[in-house]
Amino acid sequence: MSKAHVVGLGKSGVAAARLLKWEGWEVELSDGNTSKTLLEQQQELAAEQITVKLGQSLELNGANLPQLIVVSPGVPWDIPVLIKARQLGIETIGEMELAWRNLRSLPWVGITGTNGKTTTTALIAAIFQAAELNAPACGNIGYAACEVALSQRGQGTALRLPSAPLRASRSVAEGQGGRGEGTAIQNHVDWVIAEVSSYQIESSSSLAPRIGVWTTFTPDHLSRHQTLENYYNIKAKLLRQSELQVFNGDDAYLSQLGLSAWPDAYWTSVRGKDFLISEKGFYIEDGWVVEKLTATSTPEPIVKVSSLRMVGEHNQQNLLMAVATARLAGINRDAIALAVREFPGVAHRLEHICTWEGIDFINDSKATNYDAAEVGLASVNSPAILIAGGEAKAGDDTAWLAQIQTKAAAVLLIGSAAPAFAKRLREVGYHNYHIVETMERAIPKSAELAKQYQAPVVLLSPACASFDQYPNFEVRGDRFRHLCLAWAGGWKPARVELPELENSSQESIVQSR
């Protein structure tokens, strides 16, 4: 029996291991971590004759080497053991590639981009489901791609799309995949709607969607990809291998490349027909999303922009790309209009949590870089009380800082980036910030400052990764939600006194206890 090794015991790794087992491989799975949850998964998989080694890394010593290595998305592609595996001629692929090999007979939509891909993916899935297509969201959101492959093979838990699929868009975006009430779609998937990160593209050599979508492109993940050129080329590979291509024509980087790099793509623009990069595409005019499928075709209105409940120009861009994808897949206007009207948005991306004494608390925890945080702040009413910070990323913070100067009445800084962010704010002449360190201290202080400055919004938009304080941005956003709802519900954490510093009456520091 051929031997396969899966690296990483996450949702994707477990699904990959089960799919390989179904295919007849002898499967071993390793993870460098140990926890109670992982131990429980180890026991569960052992019952399925899948060996799980916790607290151990893959080793390629001796004669009993695997013939195939499958890598979970969070595992760097260039770690020494994977480089060695490729040098030894061991086939090494990502979990997404394994799923593609099992599902390549189906049409795929592959959505990638620095920002906007989660919202766009969730909206595309909602539209396809409104058209009564079984089209689960998977990959970087929703199901692991190999879970979809298992369901198509009649193995494992049936995928379930809710009976009223549009109301489930939030749970799909949160990674729940609509499990629970609904209609099972086991053995019958019409389209695969995959959000594909650069990590997943990097490890997927043959993934070739029917429709590829590129939402935005700005510097991100450079600690992993090293250069902007390398990051771009990884993203571009997915689009080059796609039969049809949809691009955000309002993105500064992508629009500069334009037709010279992507002559056959369908481009979009919120600014109207005159700003359309090519003679075919989708744009907004007179409050409608308008379709122009060829250079000679008559423009046709598809759906009213006002049907979309999400705020911000960037969400209009997401709408255009979702509608373009749906129309290229042959979905009718009625299904699109229904889906757009019912779509609630996605968790952690400008998610309205509650309103307390006229102040809206908004969770934008998915804004993990400067560009996303700039968009988040630009999308809310001003003046706003901004909560930012976490584990800082490389990138250009200039536009984000300018947005803060324009729209933020005050900034509360949390996490390890707080001192550096405070320094950058001082450098641009912004002094109304407070280093509060934790979310628990940020919420009562934000409510106090919102009252003081008559600010209609408290916005968590960190511009940072979460790993200094939380396992991921979802847990960070969930903590924000819990604290906001507790505050609005009448439970108040003990008020934290923030002493003034000698050199600034506006800066405050809370010492850790």
Protein backbone atom coordinates (compact mmCIF):
# COMPACT_ATOMS: atom_id res chain seq x y z
CA MET A 1 0.00 0.00 0.00
CA SER A 2 1.35 3.44 -0.96
CA LYS A 3 2.10 5.75 1.93
CA ALA A 4 0.92 9.38 2.20
CA HIS A 5 1.85 11.89 4.88
CA VAL A 6 -0.31 14.91 5.76
CA VAL A 7 1.34 17.88 7.47
CA GLY A 8 -0.93 19.85 9.80
CA LEU A 9 -3.90 18.66 11.87
CA GLY A 10 -6.34 21.42 11.06
CA LYS A 11 -9.69 21.15 9.31
CA SER A 12 -7.95 20.89 5.94
CA GLY A 13 -5.41 18.32 7.14
CA VAL A 14 -8.07 16.05 8.63
CA ALA A 15 -10.18 16.23 5.47
CA ALA A 16 -7.13 15.48 3.31
CA ALA A 17 -6.20 12.48 5.47
CA ARG A 18 -9.72 11.06 5.21
CA LEU A 19 -9.83 11.55 1.46
CA LEU A 20 -6.47 9.84 1.03
CA LYS A 21 -7.65 6.95 3.20
CA TRP A 22 -10.73 6.60 1.01
CA GLU A 23 -8.45 6.52 -2.05
CA GLY A 24 -6.59 3.57 -0.53
CA TRP A 25 -3.46 5.20 0.86
CA GLU A 26 -1.78 4.29 4.13
CA VAL A 27 -2.09 7.66 5.85
CA GLU A 28 0.01 9.29 8.53
CA LEU A 29 -0.67 12.80 9.81
CA SER A 30 1.69 14.94 11.89
CA ASP A 31 1.36 18.20 13.80
CA GLY A 32 3.98 19.95 15.89
CA ASN A 33 1.40 21.05 18.45
CA THR A 34 -0.38 19.22 21.23
CA SER A 35 -3.65 20.15 22.90
CA LYS A 36 -6.73 18.49 24.32
CA THR A 37 -8.60 19.11 21.08
CA LEU A 38 -5.82 17.60 19.00
CA LEU A 39 -5.64 14.58 21.28
CA GLU A 40 -9.36 14.02 20.79
CA GLN A 41 -8.91 14.27 17.02
CA GLN A 42 -5.99 11.83 17.25
CA GLN A 43 -8.22 9.23 18.91
CA GLU A 44 -11.03 9.81 16.43
CA LEU A 45 -8.73 9.36 13.44
CA ALA A 46 -7.04 6.33 14.98
CA ALA A 47 -10.43 4.61 14.89
CA GLU A 48 -10.38 5.27 11.13
CA GLN A 49 -6.90 3.68 10.87
CA ILE A 50 -5.21 7.04 10.30
CA THR A 51 -2.03 7.45 12.35
CA VAL A 52 -1.64 10.87 13.99
CA LYS A 53 1.69 11.97 15.48
CA LEU A 54 1.37 15.01 17.76
CA GLY A 55 4.25 17.15 18.90
CA GLN A 56 6.29 15.84 15.99
CA SER A 57 7.37 17.18 12.64
CA LEU A 58 7.70 15.25 9.40
CA GLU A 59 11.07 13.52 9.15
CA LEU A 60 12.46 12.08 5.95
CA ASN A 61 14.98 9.61 7.28
CA GLY A 62 15.35 5.92 6.59
CA ALA A 63 13.83 3.79 3.88
CA ASN A 64 10.13 4.03 4.72
CA LEU A 65 9.50 7.33 2.95
CA PRO A 66 6.05 8.48 1.85
CA GLN A 67 5.23 8.59 -1.86
CA LEU A 68 3.02 11.64 -1.35
CA ILE A 69 3.06 14.59 1.07
CA VAL A 70 -0.02 16.80 1.46
CA VAL A 71 0.45 20.16 3.16
CA SER A 72 -2.20 22.10 5.08
CA PRO A 73 -2.61 25.75 4.02
CA GLY A 74 -0.94 27.26 7.09
CA VAL A 75 2.30 25.30 6.64
CA PRO A 76 5.02 27.28 4.80
CA TRP A 77 5.84 25.82 1.41
CA ASP A 78 9.58 26.43 1.76
CA ILE A 79 10.38 24.89 5.13
CA PRO A 80 13.50 22.65 4.96
CA VAL A 81 11.69 19.33 5.19
CA LEU A 82 9.44 20.17 2.22
CA ILE A 83 12.39 21.42 0.18
CA LYS A 84 14.14 18.13 0.98
CA ALA A 85 11.04 16.16 0.00
CA ARG A 86 10.96 17.77 -3.41
CA GLN A 87 14.69 17.19 -3.84
CA LEU A 88 14.09 13.51 -3.06
CA GLY A 89 11.42 13.37 -5.74
CA ILE A 90 8.54 12.92 -3.28
CA GLU A 91 5.40 14.45 -4.74
CA THR A 92 4.41 17.34 -2.47
CA ILE A 93 1.08 19.13 -2.90
CA GLY A 94 -1.38 21.24 -0.94
CA GLU A 95 -4.76 20.15 0.37
CA MET A 96 -6.48 22.28 -2.29
CA GLU A 97 -4.61 20.49 -5.05
CA LEU A 98 -5.70 17.12 -3.65
CA ALA A 99 -9.32 18.28 -3.67
CA TRP A 100 -8.99 19.59 -7.23
CA ARG A 101 -7.72 16.23 -8.45
CA ASN A 102 -10.90 14.65 -7.09
CA LEU A 103 -13.28 17.40 -8.26
CA ARG A 104 -11.81 18.55 -11.56
CA SER A 105 -14.83 17.24 -13.47
CA LEU A 106 -16.89 19.97 -11.79
CA PRO A 107 -16.78 23.68 -12.65
CA TRP A 108 -14.93 25.79 -10.07
CA VAL A 109 -14.92 29.45 -9.18
CA GLY A 110 -11.56 30.40 -7.67
CA ILE A 111 -11.48 33.71 -5.81
CA THR A 112 -8.20 35.25 -4.71
CA GLY A 113 -6.90 38.68 -3.72
CA THR A 114 -5.29 40.50 -0.85
CA ASN A 115 -8.57 41.92 0.48
CA GLY A 116 -12.23 41.40 -0.35
CA LYS A 117 -12.05 37.73 -1.27
CA THR A 118 -14.06 36.42 1.69
CA THR A 119 -17.01 38.76 1.12
CA THR A 120 -16.90 38.15 -2.62
CA THR A 121 -16.74 34.38 -2.13
CA ALA A 122 -19.64 34.35 0.31
CA LEU A 123 -21.77 36.53 -1.99
CA ILE A 124 -20.99 34.36 -5.02
CA ALA A 125 -21.96 31.24 -3.07
CA ALA A 126 -25.20 32.92 -1.96
CA ILE A 127 -26.10 33.84 -5.55
CA PHE A 128 -25.40 30.34 -6.86
CA GLN A 129 -27.45 28.85 -4.04
CA ALA A 130 -30.32 31.26 -4.77
CA ALA A 131 -30.26 29.86 -8.31
CA GLU A 132 -30.85 26.42 -6.71
CA LEU A 133 -27.34 25.25 -7.46
CA ASN A 134 -25.49 23.16 -4.92
CA ALA A 135 -22.42 25.35 -4.64
CA PRO A 136 -20.65 25.11 -1.27
CA ALA A 137 -18.13 27.76 -0.27
CA CYS A 138 -14.84 26.12 0.58
CA GLY A 139 -11.10 26.61 0.83
CA ASN A 140 -10.13 29.60 2.89
CA ILE A 141 -13.72 29.86 4.22
CA GLY A 142 -16.54 27.40 4.73
CA TYR A 143 -15.61 23.78 4.18
CA ALA A 144 -12.13 22.44 3.59
CA ALA A 145 -11.94 21.69 -0.12
CA CYS A 146 -11.32 18.00 0.63
CA GLU A 147 -14.56 17.91 2.64
CA VAL A 148 -16.39 18.79 -0.57
CA ALA A 149 -14.49 16.04 -2.37
CA LEU A 150 -15.45 13.54 0.33
CA SER A 151 -19.12 14.49 0.07
CA GLN A 152 -19.01 14.04 -3.69
CA ARG A 153 -17.56 10.57 -3.15
CA GLY A 154 -20.31 9.72 -0.69
CA GLN A 155 -17.94 9.64 2.27
CA GLY A 156 -18.10 11.47 5.59
CA THR A 157 -20.69 13.97 6.73
CA ALA A 158 -23.03 15.25 4.06
CA LEU A 159 -22.56 18.89 3.19
CA ARG A 160 -25.65 20.85 4.01
CA LEU A 161 -26.82 24.06 2.43
CA PRO A 162 -29.66 25.73 4.30
CA SER A 163 -33.18 25.53 2.92
CA ALA A 164 -33.09 29.32 2.77
CA PRO A 165 -29.49 29.54 1.62
CA LEU A 166 -29.16 33.30 1.66
CA ARG A 167 -29.78 33.55 5.37
CA ALA A 168 -26.87 31.20 5.90
CA SER A 169 -24.26 33.33 4.19
CA ARG A 170 -22.96 34.48 7.56
CA SER A 171 -22.44 30.93 8.81
CA VAL A 172 -20.75 29.95 5.55
CA ALA A 173 -18.35 32.86 5.91
CA GLU A 174 -17.67 31.93 9.50
CA GLY A 175 -16.57 28.50 8.40
CA GLN A 176 -19.64 26.68 9.65
CA GLY A 177 -20.60 25.79 6.11
CA GLY A 178 -24.30 25.92 6.88
CA ARG A 179 -24.27 22.69 8.84
CA GLY A 180 -27.45 21.93 10.68
CA GLU A 181 -30.92 22.42 9.32
CA GLY A 182 -31.12 22.21 5.59
CA THR A 183 -31.02 19.90 2.65
CA ALA A 184 -28.14 17.46 2.34
CA ILE A 185 -26.25 17.72 -0.94
CA GLN A 186 -24.16 14.61 -0.53
CA ASN A 187 -23.06 13.13 -3.87
CA HIS A 188 -24.39 16.12 -5.80
CA VAL A 189 -22.29 19.27 -6.11
CA ASP A 190 -22.93 21.56 -9.10
CA TRP A 191 -20.18 24.16 -8.59
CA VAL A 192 -17.24 24.50 -6.23
CA ILE A 193 -16.87 28.07 -4.91
CA ALA A 194 -13.34 28.26 -3.52
CA GLU A 195 -11.65 31.14 -1.74
CA VAL A 196 -8.01 30.46 -2.52
CA SER A 197 -5.21 32.13 -0.56
CA SER A 198 -1.71 32.65 -1.90
CA TYR A 199 -0.60 29.80 0.36
CA GLN A 200 -3.08 27.46 -1.30
CA ILE A 201 -2.23 28.58 -4.84
CA GLU A 202 1.47 28.09 -4.13
CA SER A 203 0.92 24.42 -3.38
CA SER A 204 -1.63 23.73 -6.15
CA SER A 205 0.12 23.12 -9.44
CA SER A 206 -2.82 22.10 -11.62
CA LEU A 207 -5.81 23.96 -10.09
CA ALA A 208 -7.66 25.46 -13.06
CA PRO A 209 -11.07 27.04 -12.26
CA ARG A 210 -13.77 27.67 -14.84
CA ILE A 211 -13.90 31.25 -13.52
CA GLY A 212 -11.05 32.99 -11.72
CA VAL A 213 -11.65 36.19 -9.73
CA TRP A 214 -8.95 38.61 -8.52
CA THR A 215 -10.33 41.10 -5.99
CA THR A 216 -7.39 43.34 -4.97
CA PHE A 217 -3.62 43.33 -4.81
CA THR A 218 -1.53 45.11 -2.18
CA PRO A 219 1.58 44.08 -0.22
CA ASP A 220 0.77 41.34 2.31
CA HIS A 221 2.27 38.06 3.55
CA LEU A 222 5.71 39.30 2.47
CA SER A 223 7.30 37.60 5.47
CA ARG A 224 6.35 34.35 3.72
CA HIS A 225 6.59 35.32 0.04
CA GLN A 226 9.63 37.64 0.41
CA THR A 227 8.98 39.96 -2.54
CA LEU A 228 5.95 41.68 -4.04
CA GLU A 229 6.81 40.18 -7.42
CA ASN A 230 6.75 36.66 -6.01
CA TYR A 231 3.45 37.34 -4.23
CA TYR A 232 1.96 38.70 -7.48
CA ASN A 233 3.16 35.75 -9.56
CA ILE A 234 1.60 33.28 -7.13
CA LYS A 235 -1.77 35.01 -7.38
CA ALA A 236 -1.45 35.40 -11.14
CA LYS A 237 -0.92 31.65 -11.59
CA LEU A 238 -4.51 30.94 -10.52
CA LEU A 239 -5.90 33.47 -13.00
CA ARG A 240 -3.69 32.30 -15.85
CA GLN A 241 -5.01 28.77 -15.35
CA SER A 242 -8.65 29.95 -15.26
CA GLU A 243 -10.83 29.65 -18.34
CA LEU A 244 -12.57 32.99 -17.66
CA GLN A 245 -11.12 35.85 -15.64
CA VAL A 246 -12.78 38.62 -13.60
CA PHE A 247 -10.71 41.54 -12.31
CA ASN A 248 -11.39 44.49 -10.02
CA GLY A 249 -10.63 47.33 -12.40
CA ASP A 250 -10.68 49.88 -9.58
CA ASP A 251 -7.66 48.28 -7.89
CA ALA A 252 -4.66 50.56 -8.39
CA TYR A 253 -2.13 47.79 -8.99
CA LEU A 254 -4.25 45.55 -11.21
CA SER A 255 -5.61 48.43 -13.30
CA GLN A 256 -2.06 49.59 -14.13
CA LEU A 257 -1.35 46.16 -15.62
CA GLY A 258 -4.65 46.27 -17.50
CA LEU A 259 -5.08 44.77 -20.93
CA SER A 260 -1.36 44.40 -21.55
CA ALA A 261 -1.21 41.66 -18.90
CA TRP A 262 -4.80 40.41 -19.03
CA PRO A 263 -6.26 41.10 -22.49
CA ASP A 264 -9.17 38.65 -22.30
CA ALA A 265 -10.39 39.43 -18.77
CA TYR A 266 -13.73 40.88 -17.75
CA TRP A 267 -12.98 44.08 -15.85
CA THR A 268 -15.24 45.89 -13.37
CA SER A 269 -15.56 49.49 -12.18
CA VAL A 270 -17.77 51.26 -9.67
CA ARG A 271 -17.02 54.54 -11.48
CA GLY A 272 -18.95 53.77 -14.64
CA LYS A 273 -18.54 52.70 -18.25
CA ASP A 274 -15.95 55.36 -19.08
CA PHE A 275 -13.60 53.80 -16.51
CA LEU A 276 -13.98 50.25 -17.80
CA ILE A 277 -10.52 49.02 -18.80
CA SER A 278 -11.73 46.84 -21.67
CA GLU A 279 -14.72 46.89 -23.98
CA LYS A 280 -16.40 44.17 -21.99
CA GLY A 281 -17.12 43.95 -18.29
CA PHE A 282 -19.41 45.10 -15.49
CA TYR A 283 -19.83 48.59 -14.09
CA ILE A 284 -22.15 50.79 -12.05
CA GLU A 285 -24.29 53.38 -13.79
CA ASP A 286 -27.36 55.25 -12.51
CA GLY A 287 -27.47 53.05 -9.41
CA TRP A 288 -27.42 49.74 -11.32
CA VAL A 289 -24.88 47.02 -11.94
CA VAL A 290 -24.62 46.99 -15.74
CA GLU A 291 -23.38 44.10 -17.87
CA LYS A 292 -21.52 44.42 -21.18
CA LEU A 293 -20.46 40.94 -22.23
CA THR A 294 -18.83 41.80 -25.58
CA ALA A 295 -17.45 44.86 -27.33
CA THR A 296 -20.58 45.09 -29.50
CA SER A 297 -23.30 43.94 -27.08
CA THR A 298 -25.87 46.33 -25.65
CA PRO A 299 -25.31 47.15 -21.96
CA GLU A 300 -27.95 45.54 -19.72
CA PRO A 301 -28.89 46.47 -16.13
CA ILE A 302 -28.70 43.44 -13.81
CA VAL A 303 -29.38 44.49 -10.21
CA LYS A 304 -29.79 47.68 -8.20
CA VAL A 305 -26.75 48.60 -6.14
CA SER A 306 -29.04 49.76 -3.33
CA SER A 307 -30.17 46.15 -2.88
CA LEU A 308 -26.88 45.41 -1.15
CA ARG A 309 -27.03 46.10 2.59
CA MET A 310 -23.27 46.32 3.15
CA VAL A 311 -21.67 49.76 3.28
CA GLY A 312 -18.63 51.06 1.45
CA GLU A 313 -17.41 51.45 -2.11
CA HIS A 314 -15.25 48.34 -1.68
CA ASN A 315 -18.41 46.28 -1.16
CA GLN A 316 -19.80 47.69 -4.41
CA GLN A 317 -16.62 46.39 -6.03
CA ASN A 318 -17.24 43.01 -4.41
CA LEU A 319 -20.81 43.12 -5.70
CA LEU A 320 -19.63 43.76 -9.26
CA MET A 321 -17.25 40.81 -9.19
CA ALA A 322 -19.89 38.51 -7.71
CA VAL A 323 -22.47 39.53 -10.30
CA ALA A 324 -19.92 39.16 -13.10
CA THR A 325 -19.13 35.62 -11.93
CA ALA A 326 -22.79 34.70 -11.69
CA ARG A 327 -23.60 36.00 -15.15
CA LEU A 328 -20.61 34.23 -16.69
CA ALA A 329 -21.96 31.06 -15.06
CA GLY A 330 -25.36 31.67 -16.68
CA ILE A 331 -27.33 32.66 -13.56
CA ASN A 332 -30.45 34.75 -14.17
CA ARG A 333 -31.21 38.25 -12.86
CA ASP A 334 -33.96 37.16 -10.48
CA ALA A 335 -31.68 34.83 -8.53
CA ILE A 336 -29.00 37.52 -8.39
CA ALA A 337 -31.44 40.15 -7.14
CA LEU A 338 -32.81 37.80 -4.47
CA ALA A 339 -29.35 36.85 -3.23
CA VAL A 340 -28.05 40.41 -3.12
CA ARG A 341 -31.14 41.66 -1.30
CA GLU A 342 -30.91 38.93 1.36
CA PHE A 343 -27.14 38.82 1.79
CA PRO A 344 -26.22 39.80 5.37
CA GLY A 345 -22.49 40.26 4.90
CA VAL A 346 -19.76 38.21 6.52
CA ALA A 347 -18.62 37.95 10.09
CA HIS A 348 -15.60 40.04 11.12
CA ARG A 349 -15.76 42.29 8.05
CA LEU A 350 -17.58 45.51 8.93
CA GLU A 351 -20.02 43.37 10.91
CA HIS A 352 -22.52 45.43 12.91
CA ILE A 353 -22.55 44.01 16.44
CA CYS A 354 -24.93 46.24 18.37
CA THR A 355 -26.07 49.79 18.98
CA TRP A 356 -25.62 51.22 22.48
CA GLU A 357 -27.06 54.64 23.26
CA GLY A 358 -26.91 55.62 19.59
CA ILE A 359 -23.36 54.31 19.07
CA ASP A 360 -22.78 51.50 16.56
CA PHE A 361 -20.13 48.91 17.48
CA ILE A 362 -18.64 47.40 14.34
CA ASN A 363 -16.36 44.36 14.08
CA ASP A 364 -13.78 44.58 11.30
CA SER A 365 -11.36 42.08 12.82
CA LYS A 366 -10.57 40.64 9.38
CA ALA A 367 -8.79 43.89 8.51
CA THR A 368 -5.37 42.40 9.19
CA ASN A 369 -3.32 44.84 7.11
CA TYR A 370 -3.16 48.59 6.52
CA ASP A 371 -5.08 48.58 3.25
CA ALA A 372 -8.03 46.64 4.66
CA ALA A 373 -8.09 48.83 7.77
CA GLU A 374 -8.05 51.97 5.64
CA VAL A 375 -11.05 50.68 3.70
CA GLY A 376 -12.84 49.79 6.93
CA LEU A 377 -12.38 53.24 8.43
CA ALA A 378 -13.38 54.93 5.17
CA SER A 379 -16.62 52.92 5.12
CA VAL A 380 -18.06 54.03 8.49
CA ASN A 381 -19.57 57.31 9.61
CA SER A 382 -17.30 59.85 11.23
CA PRO A 383 -16.05 60.77 13.68
CA ALA A 384 -15.23 57.21 14.76
CA ILE A 385 -13.49 55.70 17.75
CA LEU A 386 -10.95 53.28 16.28
CA ILE A 387 -9.54 50.19 18.05
CA ALA A 388 -6.34 49.06 16.30
CA GLY A 389 -3.26 46.97 16.96
CA GLY A 390 -2.11 43.40 17.35
CA GLU A 391 0.86 41.77 15.66
CA ALA A 392 2.12 44.28 13.12
CA LYS A 393 2.72 43.36 9.47
CA ALA A 394 5.05 44.89 6.92
CA GLY A 395 3.40 47.37 4.58
CA ASP A 396 2.82 51.02 3.73
CA ASP A 397 0.75 52.67 6.47
CA THR A 398 0.61 56.13 4.84
CA ALA A 399 -2.95 56.00 3.51
CA TRP A 400 -4.21 54.35 6.72
CA LEU A 401 -2.70 57.09 8.87
CA ALA A 402 -4.22 59.75 6.62
CA GLN A 403 -7.63 58.11 7.02
CA ILE A 404 -7.19 58.15 10.80
CA GLN A 405 -6.41 61.86 10.71
CA THR A 406 -9.54 62.47 8.66
CA LYS A 407 -12.07 60.24 10.39
CA ALA A 408 -10.95 59.10 13.86
CA ALA A 409 -11.90 61.14 16.90
CA ALA A 410 -9.64 58.90 18.99
CA VAL A 411 -7.61 55.70 18.58
CA LEU A 412 -7.30 52.94 21.17
CA LEU A 413 -4.21 50.76 20.69
CA ILE A 414 -4.01 47.11 21.72
CA GLY A 415 -1.47 44.33 21.36
CA SER A 416 2.24 44.25 20.68
CA ALA A 417 2.05 46.85 17.90
CA ALA A 418 0.68 49.54 20.22
CA PRO A 419 3.99 51.34 21.01
CA ALA A 420 5.04 51.36 17.35
CA PHE A 421 1.61 52.59 16.22
CA ALA A 422 1.71 55.31 18.88
CA LYS A 423 5.08 56.45 17.53
CA ARG A 424 3.76 56.54 13.95
CA LEU A 425 0.70 58.52 15.00
CA ARG A 426 2.90 61.07 16.77
CA GLU A 427 5.09 61.34 13.68
CA VAL A 428 2.12 62.41 11.55
CA GLY A 429 0.91 64.84 14.19
CA TYR A 430 -1.95 62.77 15.61
CA HIS A 431 -1.96 62.71 19.41
CA ASN A 432 -5.44 61.62 20.44
CA TYR A 433 -4.53 58.00 21.08
CA HIS A 434 -4.55 55.75 24.14
CA ILE A 435 -2.54 52.58 24.65
CA VAL A 436 -4.97 50.26 26.43
CA GLU A 437 -3.26 46.97 25.52
CA THR A 438 -6.29 44.64 25.69
CA MET A 439 -9.76 44.37 24.21
CA GLU A 440 -11.20 44.17 27.71
CA ARG A 441 -9.90 47.66 28.40
CA ALA A 442 -10.70 49.00 24.95
CA ILE A 443 -14.47 48.49 25.07
CA PRO A 444 -15.34 50.61 28.14
CA LYS A 445 -12.85 53.27 27.09
CA SER A 446 -14.27 53.36 23.57
CA ALA A 447 -17.80 53.84 24.90
CA GLU A 448 -16.57 56.66 27.15
CA LEU A 449 -14.76 58.39 24.28
CA ALA A 450 -17.66 57.94 21.87
CA LYS A 451 -19.86 59.80 24.35
CA GLN A 452 -17.23 62.49 24.84
CA TYR A 453 -16.75 63.16 21.12
CA GLN A 454 -20.33 62.37 20.03
CA ALA A 455 -18.92 59.67 17.76
CA PRO A 456 -21.57 57.47 16.09
CA VAL A 457 -19.24 54.48 15.64
CA VAL A 458 -16.79 52.35 17.58
CA LEU A 459 -14.79 50.38 15.03
CA LEU A 460 -12.46 47.44 15.63
CA SER A 461 -10.24 47.49 12.54
CA PRO A 462 -6.84 46.32 13.75
CA ALA A 463 -4.54 46.66 10.69
CA CYS A 464 -2.66 43.75 12.28
CA ALA A 465 -2.55 40.01 12.61
CA SER A 466 -4.00 38.63 15.84
CA PHE A 467 -1.41 36.09 16.89
CA ASP A 468 0.10 38.10 19.73
CA GLN A 469 -3.14 37.80 21.75
CA TYR A 470 -5.50 35.45 19.86
CA PRO A 471 -5.29 32.24 17.81
CA ASN A 472 -6.75 34.02 14.76
CA PHE A 473 -8.75 37.06 13.70
CA GLU A 474 -12.04 35.19 14.20
CA VAL A 475 -11.36 34.63 17.90
CA ARG A 476 -10.35 38.29 18.20
CA GLY A 477 -13.58 39.39 16.53
CA ASP A 478 -15.63 37.00 18.67
CA ARG A 479 -14.08 38.49 21.81
CA PHE A 480 -14.96 41.98 20.60
CA ARG A 481 -18.52 40.83 19.91
CA HIS A 482 -18.88 39.26 23.36
CA LEU A 483 -17.59 42.33 25.17
CA CYS A 484 -19.75 44.71 23.12
CA LEU A 485 -22.91 42.69 23.69
CA ALA A 486 -22.11 42.42 27.39
CA TRP A 487 -21.62 46.19 27.55
CA ALA A 488 -24.82 46.94 25.64
CA GLY A 489 -26.68 44.40 27.78
CA GLY A 490 -25.88 46.22 30.96
CA TRP A 491 -22.85 44.32 32.28
CA LYS A 492 -19.94 46.72 32.59
CA PRO A 493 -16.35 45.63 33.19
CA ALA A 494 -14.67 47.57 35.97
CA ARG A 495 -13.71 50.98 34.66
CA VAL A 496 -10.03 51.23 33.96
CA GLU A 497 -8.31 54.43 35.02
CA LEU A 498 -5.77 55.48 32.45
CA PRO A 499 -3.10 57.79 33.91
CA GLU A 500 -1.88 60.70 31.80
CA LEU A 501 1.70 60.85 30.59
CA GLU A 502 3.93 63.82 31.19
CA ASN A 503 4.40 64.69 27.53
CA SER A 504 0.87 64.19 26.23
CA SER A 505 -2.47 64.83 27.82
CA GLN A 506 -4.01 62.63 25.12
CA GLU A 507 -1.88 59.46 25.45
CA SER A 508 -2.66 56.87 28.09
CA ILE A 509 -1.03 53.62 29.12
CA VAL A 510 -2.39 50.70 31.09
CA GLN A 511 0.20 48.55 32.80
CA SER A 512 -0.22 44.81 32.45
CA ARG A 513 -1.23 42.97 35.59
